[in-house]
Amino acid sequence: MHFKKRIAVSFFSNCFRGISTLLIGVLLARFLGSEEYGALLFLLTTSMAIKQLLDFGTSSAFFTFLSQESRSINFISKFWAFFFGKYVLCILIIFYVIPESWLAKIWLGDSSEIIVMALIAVSFQSDFWPVASQLLESQRKTVKVQILFIVTQIAHFCLIFGLYYLGAL
């Protein structure tokens, strides 16, 4: 695929994603109200801190290793096993090791299920997706990555509207 086409697709996709992310944030703030939106941001911020604690620099290292030479399926499988394994371990700790009383104090009364859902959302958005897109980009699959970006944003937007109108947001 031509370099100019990949740049153009990336540019327009990133513009769409930036505008839709802003719009989704504003809609969430309006739909939830200040108290619930603040609680959501607290959950997401603490989940981001946990994600950063679990990163170990593996995402950057993975991309560096990929860019040096072609890697075997075995190498990529081991990376993904480690990648998801660290989150599975963290989720097990939240569910089975940390007492509910501690969770209630740290996360202001949110249940362990809500905490884990926030962690999963943050890890997919800020850890899994960038690594997966870098993997595809390293194989020059720019258009596929950008189409996935756009489809994901549209699905996110529709999900928020659907949950709002069903009263389940």
N, C-alpha and C. Protein backbone atom coordinates (compact mmCIF):
# COMPACT_ATOMS: atom_id res chain seq x y z
N MET A 1 0.84 -1.17 0.00
CA MET A 1 0.00 0.00 0.00
C MET A 1 0.89 1.24 0.00
N HIS A 2 0.44 2.24 -0.69
CA HIS A 2 1.22 3.45 -0.80
C HIS A 2 1.31 4.18 0.53
N PHE A 3 2.47 4.75 0.77
CA PHE A 3 2.76 5.47 2.00
C PHE A 3 1.80 6.64 2.17
N LYS A 4 1.53 7.39 1.09
CA LYS A 4 0.64 8.56 1.17
C LYS A 4 -0.78 8.15 1.56
N LYS A 5 -1.23 7.03 1.04
CA LYS A 5 -2.58 6.56 1.37
C LYS A 5 -2.66 6.19 2.85
N ARG A 6 -1.62 5.54 3.37
CA ARG A 6 -1.62 5.16 4.80
C ARG A 6 -1.60 6.40 5.68
N ILE A 7 -0.86 7.42 5.28
CA ILE A 7 -0.83 8.67 6.06
C ILE A 7 -2.19 9.34 6.02
N ALA A 8 -2.81 9.42 4.86
CA ALA A 8 -4.11 10.07 4.73
C ALA A 8 -5.17 9.33 5.57
N VAL A 9 -5.18 8.02 5.47
CA VAL A 9 -6.15 7.24 6.24
C VAL A 9 -5.93 7.45 7.74
N SER A 10 -4.68 7.43 8.18
CA SER A 10 -4.37 7.65 9.59
C SER A 10 -4.79 9.05 10.04
N PHE A 11 -4.53 10.05 9.22
CA PHE A 11 -4.89 11.42 9.56
C PHE A 11 -6.40 11.57 9.76
N PHE A 12 -7.18 11.11 8.80
CA PHE A 12 -8.63 11.26 8.90
C PHE A 12 -9.21 10.39 10.02
N SER A 13 -8.66 9.23 10.21
CA SER A 13 -9.13 8.36 11.29
C SER A 13 -8.83 8.99 12.65
N ASN A 14 -7.65 9.56 12.81
CA ASN A 14 -7.30 10.19 14.08
C ASN A 14 -8.14 11.44 14.33
N CYS A 15 -8.46 12.19 13.29
CA CYS A 15 -9.35 13.34 13.45
C CYS A 15 -10.73 12.88 13.91
N PHE A 16 -11.26 11.85 13.26
CA PHE A 16 -12.56 11.29 13.64
C PHE A 16 -12.54 10.80 15.07
N ARG A 17 -11.50 10.08 15.41
CA ARG A 17 -11.39 9.52 16.76
C ARG A 17 -11.28 10.62 17.80
N GLY A 18 -10.50 11.66 17.52
CA GLY A 18 -10.37 12.77 18.47
C GLY A 18 -11.68 13.48 18.71
N ILE A 19 -12.40 13.77 17.64
CA ILE A 19 -13.70 14.45 17.77
C ILE A 19 -14.71 13.55 18.48
N SER A 20 -14.74 12.28 18.11
CA SER A 20 -15.71 11.37 18.75
C SER A 20 -15.37 11.12 20.21
N THR A 21 -14.10 11.07 20.56
CA THR A 21 -13.71 10.90 21.96
C THR A 21 -14.16 12.11 22.78
N LEU A 22 -13.96 13.30 22.26
CA LEU A 22 -14.42 14.51 22.93
C LEU A 22 -15.93 14.48 23.11
N LEU A 23 -16.65 14.14 22.06
CA LEU A 23 -18.10 14.09 22.09
C LEU A 23 -18.59 13.03 23.09
N ILE A 24 -17.97 11.88 23.10
CA ILE A 24 -18.35 10.81 24.04
C ILE A 24 -18.11 11.27 25.48
N GLY A 25 -16.99 11.91 25.74
CA GLY A 25 -16.71 12.42 27.08
C GLY A 25 -17.73 13.44 27.55
N VAL A 26 -18.09 14.36 26.67
CA VAL A 26 -19.08 15.38 27.01
C VAL A 26 -20.44 14.72 27.26
N LEU A 27 -20.82 13.78 26.40
CA LEU A 27 -22.11 13.11 26.58
C LEU A 27 -22.14 12.31 27.89
N LEU A 28 -21.06 11.61 28.18
CA LEU A 28 -21.01 10.87 29.45
C LEU A 28 -21.16 11.80 30.64
N ALA A 29 -20.47 12.92 30.61
CA ALA A 29 -20.56 13.88 31.71
C ALA A 29 -21.99 14.40 31.85
N ARG A 30 -22.63 14.70 30.74
CA ARG A 30 -24.01 15.20 30.77
C ARG A 30 -24.98 14.12 31.21
N PHE A 31 -24.84 12.91 30.67
CA PHE A 31 -25.76 11.82 30.98
C PHE A 31 -25.64 11.36 32.43
N LEU A 32 -24.41 11.30 32.95
CA LEU A 32 -24.19 10.77 34.29
C LEU A 32 -24.38 11.81 35.40
N GLY A 33 -24.09 13.05 35.10
CA GLY A 33 -24.12 14.07 36.15
C GLY A 33 -22.77 14.11 36.84
N SER A 34 -22.55 15.17 37.59
CA SER A 34 -21.21 15.39 38.13
C SER A 34 -20.79 14.33 39.15
N GLU A 35 -21.69 13.87 40.02
CA GLU A 35 -21.30 12.91 41.04
C GLU A 35 -20.95 11.54 40.43
N GLU A 36 -21.82 11.04 39.58
CA GLU A 36 -21.56 9.73 38.97
C GLU A 36 -20.39 9.79 37.99
N TYR A 37 -20.25 10.90 37.27
CA TYR A 37 -19.13 11.04 36.35
C TYR A 37 -17.81 11.10 37.13
N GLY A 38 -17.82 11.79 38.25
CA GLY A 38 -16.64 11.85 39.12
C GLY A 38 -16.26 10.47 39.64
N ALA A 39 -17.27 9.68 40.03
CA ALA A 39 -17.01 8.31 40.51
C ALA A 39 -16.42 7.46 39.38
N LEU A 40 -16.95 7.64 38.16
CA LEU A 40 -16.42 6.91 37.00
C LEU A 40 -14.97 7.30 36.76
N LEU A 41 -14.66 8.57 36.80
CA LEU A 41 -13.28 9.01 36.58
C LEU A 41 -12.35 8.50 37.67
N PHE A 42 -12.83 8.44 38.91
CA PHE A 42 -12.02 7.89 39.99
C PHE A 42 -11.69 6.43 39.70
N LEU A 43 -12.69 5.64 39.31
CA LEU A 43 -12.46 4.23 38.96
C LEU A 43 -11.47 4.09 37.82
N LEU A 44 -11.65 4.90 36.78
CA LEU A 44 -10.77 4.81 35.62
C LEU A 44 -9.35 5.25 35.96
N THR A 45 -9.21 6.28 36.79
CA THR A 45 -7.88 6.76 37.17
C THR A 45 -7.14 5.74 38.01
N THR A 46 -7.83 5.13 38.97
CA THR A 46 -7.16 4.11 39.78
C THR A 46 -6.83 2.88 38.94
N SER A 47 -7.69 2.57 37.98
CA SER A 47 -7.41 1.45 37.07
C SER A 47 -6.20 1.75 36.20
N MET A 48 -6.07 3.00 35.78
CA MET A 48 -4.90 3.40 34.99
C MET A 48 -3.62 3.27 35.82
N ALA A 49 -3.70 3.61 37.10
CA ALA A 49 -2.53 3.48 37.97
C ALA A 49 -2.13 2.00 38.11
N ILE A 50 -3.13 1.13 38.25
CA ILE A 50 -2.84 -0.31 38.32
C ILE A 50 -2.24 -0.79 37.01
N LYS A 51 -2.78 -0.34 35.90
CA LYS A 51 -2.25 -0.71 34.58
C LYS A 51 -0.79 -0.29 34.44
N GLN A 52 -0.46 0.91 34.89
CA GLN A 52 0.92 1.38 34.81
C GLN A 52 1.84 0.57 35.72
N LEU A 53 1.32 0.16 36.87
CA LEU A 53 2.09 -0.67 37.77
C LEU A 53 2.39 -2.03 37.14
N LEU A 54 1.44 -2.56 36.37
CA LEU A 54 1.60 -3.87 35.74
C LEU A 54 2.34 -3.84 34.40
N ASP A 55 2.64 -2.66 33.88
CA ASP A 55 3.20 -2.55 32.53
C ASP A 55 4.58 -3.18 32.40
N PHE A 56 5.48 -2.93 33.29
CA PHE A 56 6.85 -3.46 33.25
C PHE A 56 7.60 -3.09 31.98
N GLY A 57 7.09 -2.15 31.19
CA GLY A 57 7.74 -1.77 29.94
C GLY A 57 7.61 -2.80 28.84
N THR A 58 6.74 -3.79 29.03
CA THR A 58 6.63 -4.88 28.05
C THR A 58 6.07 -4.42 26.71
N SER A 59 5.16 -3.45 26.74
CA SER A 59 4.56 -3.00 25.48
C SER A 59 5.61 -2.39 24.57
N SER A 60 6.45 -1.53 25.14
CA SER A 60 7.52 -0.90 24.35
C SER A 60 8.54 -1.94 23.89
N ALA A 61 8.88 -2.85 24.77
CA ALA A 61 9.86 -3.88 24.43
C ALA A 61 9.32 -4.78 23.32
N PHE A 62 8.05 -5.12 23.39
CA PHE A 62 7.44 -5.98 22.36
C PHE A 62 7.55 -5.33 20.99
N PHE A 63 7.22 -4.06 20.89
CA PHE A 63 7.31 -3.38 19.61
C PHE A 63 8.74 -3.29 19.13
N THR A 64 9.68 -3.06 20.04
CA THR A 64 11.10 -3.02 19.67
C THR A 64 11.53 -4.37 19.10
N PHE A 65 11.15 -5.46 19.76
CA PHE A 65 11.50 -6.79 19.28
C PHE A 65 10.87 -7.09 17.92
N LEU A 66 9.62 -6.64 17.73
CA LEU A 66 8.94 -6.87 16.45
C LEU A 66 9.61 -6.12 15.31
N SER A 67 10.06 -4.91 15.61
CA SER A 67 10.64 -4.09 14.54
C SER A 67 12.03 -4.57 14.12
N GLN A 68 12.70 -5.36 14.96
CA GLN A 68 14.04 -5.82 14.63
C GLN A 68 14.02 -6.92 13.58
N GLU A 69 13.09 -7.85 13.72
CA GLU A 69 13.01 -8.98 12.79
C GLU A 69 11.66 -9.66 12.93
N SER A 70 11.33 -10.51 11.99
CA SER A 70 10.08 -11.27 12.09
C SER A 70 10.18 -12.23 13.26
N ARG A 71 9.10 -12.32 14.00
CA ARG A 71 9.08 -13.18 15.18
C ARG A 71 8.15 -14.36 14.95
N SER A 72 8.45 -15.45 15.63
CA SER A 72 7.66 -16.67 15.48
C SER A 72 6.33 -16.54 16.21
N ILE A 73 5.41 -17.39 15.83
CA ILE A 73 4.12 -17.47 16.51
C ILE A 73 4.33 -17.81 17.99
N ASN A 74 5.32 -18.64 18.27
CA ASN A 74 5.62 -19.01 19.65
C ASN A 74 5.99 -17.78 20.48
N PHE A 75 6.83 -16.91 19.93
CA PHE A 75 7.23 -15.68 20.62
C PHE A 75 6.00 -14.80 20.88
N ILE A 76 5.18 -14.60 19.88
CA ILE A 76 4.00 -13.76 20.01
C ILE A 76 3.01 -14.38 20.99
N SER A 77 2.85 -15.69 20.95
CA SER A 77 1.95 -16.38 21.89
C SER A 77 2.42 -16.21 23.33
N LYS A 78 3.72 -16.33 23.56
CA LYS A 78 4.25 -16.14 24.91
C LYS A 78 4.04 -14.71 25.39
N PHE A 79 4.22 -13.76 24.49
CA PHE A 79 3.99 -12.37 24.88
C PHE A 79 2.54 -12.17 25.30
N TRP A 80 1.58 -12.65 24.48
CA TRP A 80 0.16 -12.46 24.81
C TRP A 80 -0.21 -13.22 26.08
N ALA A 81 0.38 -14.38 26.32
CA ALA A 81 0.12 -15.12 27.56
C ALA A 81 0.58 -14.30 28.76
N PHE A 82 1.75 -13.70 28.67
CA PHE A 82 2.25 -12.84 29.75
C PHE A 82 1.36 -11.61 29.88
N PHE A 83 1.03 -11.01 28.75
CA PHE A 83 0.22 -9.79 28.73
C PHE A 83 -1.10 -10.00 29.47
N PHE A 84 -1.84 -11.04 29.09
CA PHE A 84 -3.14 -11.29 29.72
C PHE A 84 -2.98 -11.92 31.11
N GLY A 85 -1.92 -12.69 31.30
CA GLY A 85 -1.69 -13.34 32.59
C GLY A 85 -1.54 -12.36 33.73
N LYS A 86 -0.85 -11.25 33.48
CA LYS A 86 -0.67 -10.26 34.56
C LYS A 86 -2.01 -9.66 34.97
N TYR A 87 -2.93 -9.49 34.03
CA TYR A 87 -4.26 -8.95 34.37
C TYR A 87 -5.11 -10.01 35.07
N VAL A 88 -5.01 -11.24 34.63
CA VAL A 88 -5.75 -12.32 35.29
C VAL A 88 -5.30 -12.43 36.74
N LEU A 89 -4.00 -12.36 36.97
CA LEU A 89 -3.47 -12.41 38.34
C LEU A 89 -4.00 -11.24 39.17
N CYS A 90 -4.00 -10.06 38.60
CA CYS A 90 -4.50 -8.89 39.30
C CYS A 90 -5.99 -9.05 39.63
N ILE A 91 -6.77 -9.55 38.70
CA ILE A 91 -8.21 -9.75 38.92
C ILE A 91 -8.43 -10.79 40.02
N LEU A 92 -7.64 -11.86 40.01
CA LEU A 92 -7.76 -12.86 41.07
C LEU A 92 -7.43 -12.27 42.43
N ILE A 93 -6.43 -11.39 42.47
CA ILE A 93 -6.08 -10.73 43.74
C ILE A 93 -7.24 -9.85 44.22
N ILE A 94 -7.84 -9.12 43.29
CA ILE A 94 -8.97 -8.25 43.67
C ILE A 94 -10.13 -9.09 44.19
N PHE A 95 -10.44 -10.19 43.52
CA PHE A 95 -11.57 -11.02 43.92
C PHE A 95 -11.32 -11.86 45.17
N TYR A 96 -10.10 -12.41 45.32
CA TYR A 96 -9.90 -13.43 46.34
C TYR A 96 -8.89 -13.08 47.44
N VAL A 97 -8.08 -12.05 47.26
CA VAL A 97 -7.06 -11.77 48.26
C VAL A 97 -7.39 -10.50 49.07
N ILE A 98 -7.70 -9.44 48.38
CA ILE A 98 -7.98 -8.18 49.07
C ILE A 98 -9.36 -8.26 49.73
N PRO A 99 -9.43 -8.01 51.03
CA PRO A 99 -10.72 -8.06 51.72
C PRO A 99 -11.71 -7.01 51.19
N GLU A 100 -13.00 -7.35 51.19
CA GLU A 100 -14.04 -6.43 50.72
C GLU A 100 -13.99 -5.10 51.47
N SER A 101 -13.65 -5.16 52.75
CA SER A 101 -13.60 -3.91 53.54
C SER A 101 -12.52 -2.96 53.00
N TRP A 102 -11.40 -3.51 52.55
CA TRP A 102 -10.36 -2.68 51.95
C TRP A 102 -10.82 -2.11 50.62
N LEU A 103 -11.45 -2.96 49.81
CA LEU A 103 -11.95 -2.49 48.52
C LEU A 103 -12.94 -1.35 48.71
N ALA A 104 -13.83 -1.50 49.71
CA ALA A 104 -14.83 -0.46 49.97
C ALA A 104 -14.16 0.85 50.39
N LYS A 105 -13.08 0.78 51.14
CA LYS A 105 -12.38 2.00 51.57
C LYS A 105 -11.60 2.62 50.43
N ILE A 106 -10.92 1.78 49.65
CA ILE A 106 -10.09 2.31 48.56
C ILE A 106 -10.97 2.85 47.43
N TRP A 107 -11.99 2.08 47.03
CA TRP A 107 -12.82 2.46 45.89
C TRP A 107 -14.19 3.00 46.29
N LEU A 108 -14.28 3.55 47.47
CA LEU A 108 -15.47 4.29 47.92
C LEU A 108 -16.77 3.49 47.77
N GLY A 109 -16.73 2.23 48.14
CA GLY A 109 -17.94 1.42 48.16
C GLY A 109 -18.26 0.68 46.88
N ASP A 110 -17.46 0.81 45.83
CA ASP A 110 -17.71 0.07 44.60
C ASP A 110 -17.43 -1.40 44.82
N SER A 111 -18.21 -2.24 44.17
CA SER A 111 -18.02 -3.69 44.30
C SER A 111 -16.79 -4.15 43.53
N SER A 112 -16.32 -5.33 43.88
CA SER A 112 -15.15 -5.87 43.18
C SER A 112 -15.45 -6.08 41.70
N GLU A 113 -16.70 -6.40 41.35
CA GLU A 113 -17.07 -6.59 39.95
C GLU A 113 -16.92 -5.29 39.15
N ILE A 114 -17.36 -4.18 39.74
CA ILE A 114 -17.24 -2.88 39.07
C ILE A 114 -15.77 -2.49 38.93
N ILE A 115 -14.98 -2.75 39.96
CA ILE A 115 -13.55 -2.43 39.92
C ILE A 115 -12.87 -3.22 38.82
N VAL A 116 -13.20 -4.51 38.72
CA VAL A 116 -12.60 -5.35 37.68
C VAL A 116 -13.06 -4.91 36.30
N MET A 117 -14.33 -4.54 36.15
CA MET A 117 -14.80 -4.04 34.85
C MET A 117 -14.04 -2.79 34.43
N ALA A 118 -13.79 -1.89 35.38
CA ALA A 118 -13.03 -0.67 35.06
C ALA A 118 -11.60 -1.02 34.68
N LEU A 119 -11.00 -1.96 35.39
CA LEU A 119 -9.63 -2.38 35.07
C LEU A 119 -9.57 -3.00 33.67
N ILE A 120 -10.53 -3.84 33.35
CA ILE A 120 -10.57 -4.46 32.02
C ILE A 120 -10.74 -3.40 30.94
N ALA A 121 -11.64 -2.45 31.16
CA ALA A 121 -11.86 -1.39 30.17
C ALA A 121 -10.59 -0.58 29.94
N VAL A 122 -9.93 -0.19 31.02
CA VAL A 122 -8.70 0.60 30.89
C VAL A 122 -7.61 -0.22 30.23
N SER A 123 -7.47 -1.48 30.63
CA SER A 123 -6.39 -2.29 30.05
C SER A 123 -6.60 -2.53 28.57
N PHE A 124 -7.85 -2.72 28.14
CA PHE A 124 -8.09 -2.91 26.72
C PHE A 124 -7.87 -1.62 25.95
N GLN A 125 -8.31 -0.50 26.49
CA GLN A 125 -8.17 0.76 25.76
C GLN A 125 -6.74 1.27 25.74
N SER A 126 -6.04 1.18 26.86
CA SER A 126 -4.73 1.83 26.92
C SER A 126 -3.55 0.88 26.91
N ASP A 127 -3.81 -0.43 26.87
CA ASP A 127 -2.70 -1.38 26.86
C ASP A 127 -2.86 -2.36 25.69
N PHE A 128 -3.95 -3.08 25.66
CA PHE A 128 -4.15 -4.08 24.60
C PHE A 128 -4.25 -3.43 23.22
N TRP A 129 -5.11 -2.44 23.10
CA TRP A 129 -5.33 -1.84 21.78
C TRP A 129 -4.06 -1.23 21.19
N PRO A 130 -3.28 -0.45 21.93
CA PRO A 130 -2.04 0.08 21.34
C PRO A 130 -1.07 -1.02 20.90
N VAL A 131 -0.94 -2.08 21.70
CA VAL A 131 -0.02 -3.16 21.32
C VAL A 131 -0.54 -3.88 20.08
N ALA A 132 -1.84 -4.18 20.06
CA ALA A 132 -2.41 -4.87 18.90
C ALA A 132 -2.29 -4.01 17.64
N SER A 133 -2.52 -2.71 17.77
CA SER A 133 -2.40 -1.85 16.60
C SER A 133 -0.95 -1.73 16.14
N GLN A 134 0.00 -1.71 17.08
CA GLN A 134 1.42 -1.68 16.70
C GLN A 134 1.80 -2.97 15.98
N LEU A 135 1.23 -4.07 16.43
CA LEU A 135 1.49 -5.35 15.77
C LEU A 135 1.01 -5.31 14.33
N LEU A 136 -0.19 -4.79 14.11
CA LEU A 136 -0.71 -4.68 12.75
C LEU A 136 0.06 -3.64 11.94
N GLU A 137 0.39 -2.52 12.57
CA GLU A 137 1.15 -1.48 11.87
C GLU A 137 2.52 -1.99 11.43
N SER A 138 3.13 -2.85 12.25
CA SER A 138 4.45 -3.38 11.88
C SER A 138 4.35 -4.26 10.63
N GLN A 139 3.14 -4.70 10.31
CA GLN A 139 2.92 -5.50 9.10
C GLN A 139 2.28 -4.67 7.99
N ARG A 140 2.29 -3.35 8.16
CA ARG A 140 1.76 -2.40 7.18
C ARG A 140 0.26 -2.59 6.95
N LYS A 141 -0.49 -2.83 8.01
CA LYS A 141 -1.94 -3.00 7.94
C LYS A 141 -2.65 -1.75 8.45
N THR A 142 -2.15 -0.59 8.07
CA THR A 142 -2.63 0.69 8.56
C THR A 142 -4.13 0.88 8.33
N VAL A 143 -4.59 0.59 7.14
CA VAL A 143 -6.00 0.82 6.82
C VAL A 143 -6.89 -0.06 7.71
N LYS A 144 -6.51 -1.31 7.91
CA LYS A 144 -7.29 -2.19 8.78
C LYS A 144 -7.33 -1.66 10.21
N VAL A 145 -6.20 -1.20 10.70
CA VAL A 145 -6.13 -0.65 12.06
C VAL A 145 -7.05 0.56 12.18
N GLN A 146 -6.99 1.46 11.22
CA GLN A 146 -7.78 2.68 11.30
C GLN A 146 -9.28 2.39 11.15
N ILE A 147 -9.63 1.43 10.33
CA ILE A 147 -11.04 1.03 10.22
C ILE A 147 -11.52 0.46 11.55
N LEU A 148 -10.69 -0.35 12.19
CA LEU A 148 -11.04 -0.88 13.52
C LEU A 148 -11.20 0.25 14.54
N PHE A 149 -10.33 1.25 14.48
CA PHE A 149 -10.46 2.42 15.35
C PHE A 149 -11.83 3.06 15.18
N ILE A 150 -12.20 3.32 13.95
CA ILE A 150 -13.46 4.01 13.66
C ILE A 150 -14.66 3.15 14.08
N VAL A 151 -14.64 1.88 13.75
CA VAL A 151 -15.73 0.98 14.12
C VAL A 151 -15.87 0.90 15.64
N THR A 152 -14.74 0.84 16.34
CA THR A 152 -14.76 0.80 17.80
C THR A 152 -15.37 2.08 18.37
N GLN A 153 -15.01 3.21 17.84
CA GLN A 153 -15.56 4.48 18.32
C GLN A 153 -17.07 4.56 18.07
N ILE A 154 -17.50 4.13 16.90
CA ILE A 154 -18.94 4.16 16.59
C ILE A 154 -19.69 3.21 17.52
N ALA A 155 -19.14 2.02 17.75
CA ALA A 155 -19.78 1.07 18.67
C ALA A 155 -19.85 1.64 20.08
N HIS A 156 -18.77 2.29 20.52
CA HIS A 156 -18.73 2.91 21.84
C HIS A 156 -19.82 3.98 21.96
N PHE A 157 -19.92 4.81 20.96
CA PHE A 157 -20.92 5.88 20.93
C PHE A 157 -22.33 5.28 20.99
N CYS A 158 -22.59 4.28 20.18
CA CYS A 158 -23.92 3.64 20.15
C CYS A 158 -24.23 2.95 21.48
N LEU A 159 -23.24 2.32 22.07
CA LEU A 159 -23.43 1.65 23.35
C LEU A 159 -23.80 2.65 24.44
N ILE A 160 -23.14 3.78 24.47
CA ILE A 160 -23.45 4.80 25.49
C ILE A 160 -24.86 5.33 25.29
N PHE A 161 -25.23 5.64 24.06
CA PHE A 161 -26.58 6.12 23.80
C PHE A 161 -27.62 5.05 24.14
N GLY A 162 -27.35 3.82 23.75
CA GLY A 162 -28.28 2.73 24.05
C GLY A 162 -28.48 2.54 25.54
N LEU A 163 -27.39 2.53 26.29
CA LEU A 163 -27.48 2.37 27.75
C LEU A 163 -28.20 3.56 28.39
N TYR A 164 -27.96 4.74 27.87
CA TYR A 164 -28.62 5.93 28.41
C TYR A 164 -30.13 5.84 28.19
N TYR A 165 -30.54 5.53 26.98
CA TYR A 165 -31.97 5.48 26.69
C TYR A 165 -32.68 4.30 27.35
N LEU A 166 -31.94 3.25 27.67
CA LEU A 166 -32.52 2.13 28.42
C LEU A 166 -32.50 2.38 29.93
N GLY A 167 -31.86 3.47 30.34
CA GLY A 167 -31.76 3.79 31.76
C GLY A 167 -30.74 2.93 32.49
N ALA A 168 -29.83 2.31 31.78
CA ALA A 168 -28.85 1.41 32.37
C ALA A 168 -27.45 1.99 32.45
N LEU A 169 -27.30 3.26 32.05
CA LEU A 169 -25.96 3.85 32.04
C LEU A 169 -25.46 4.05 33.45
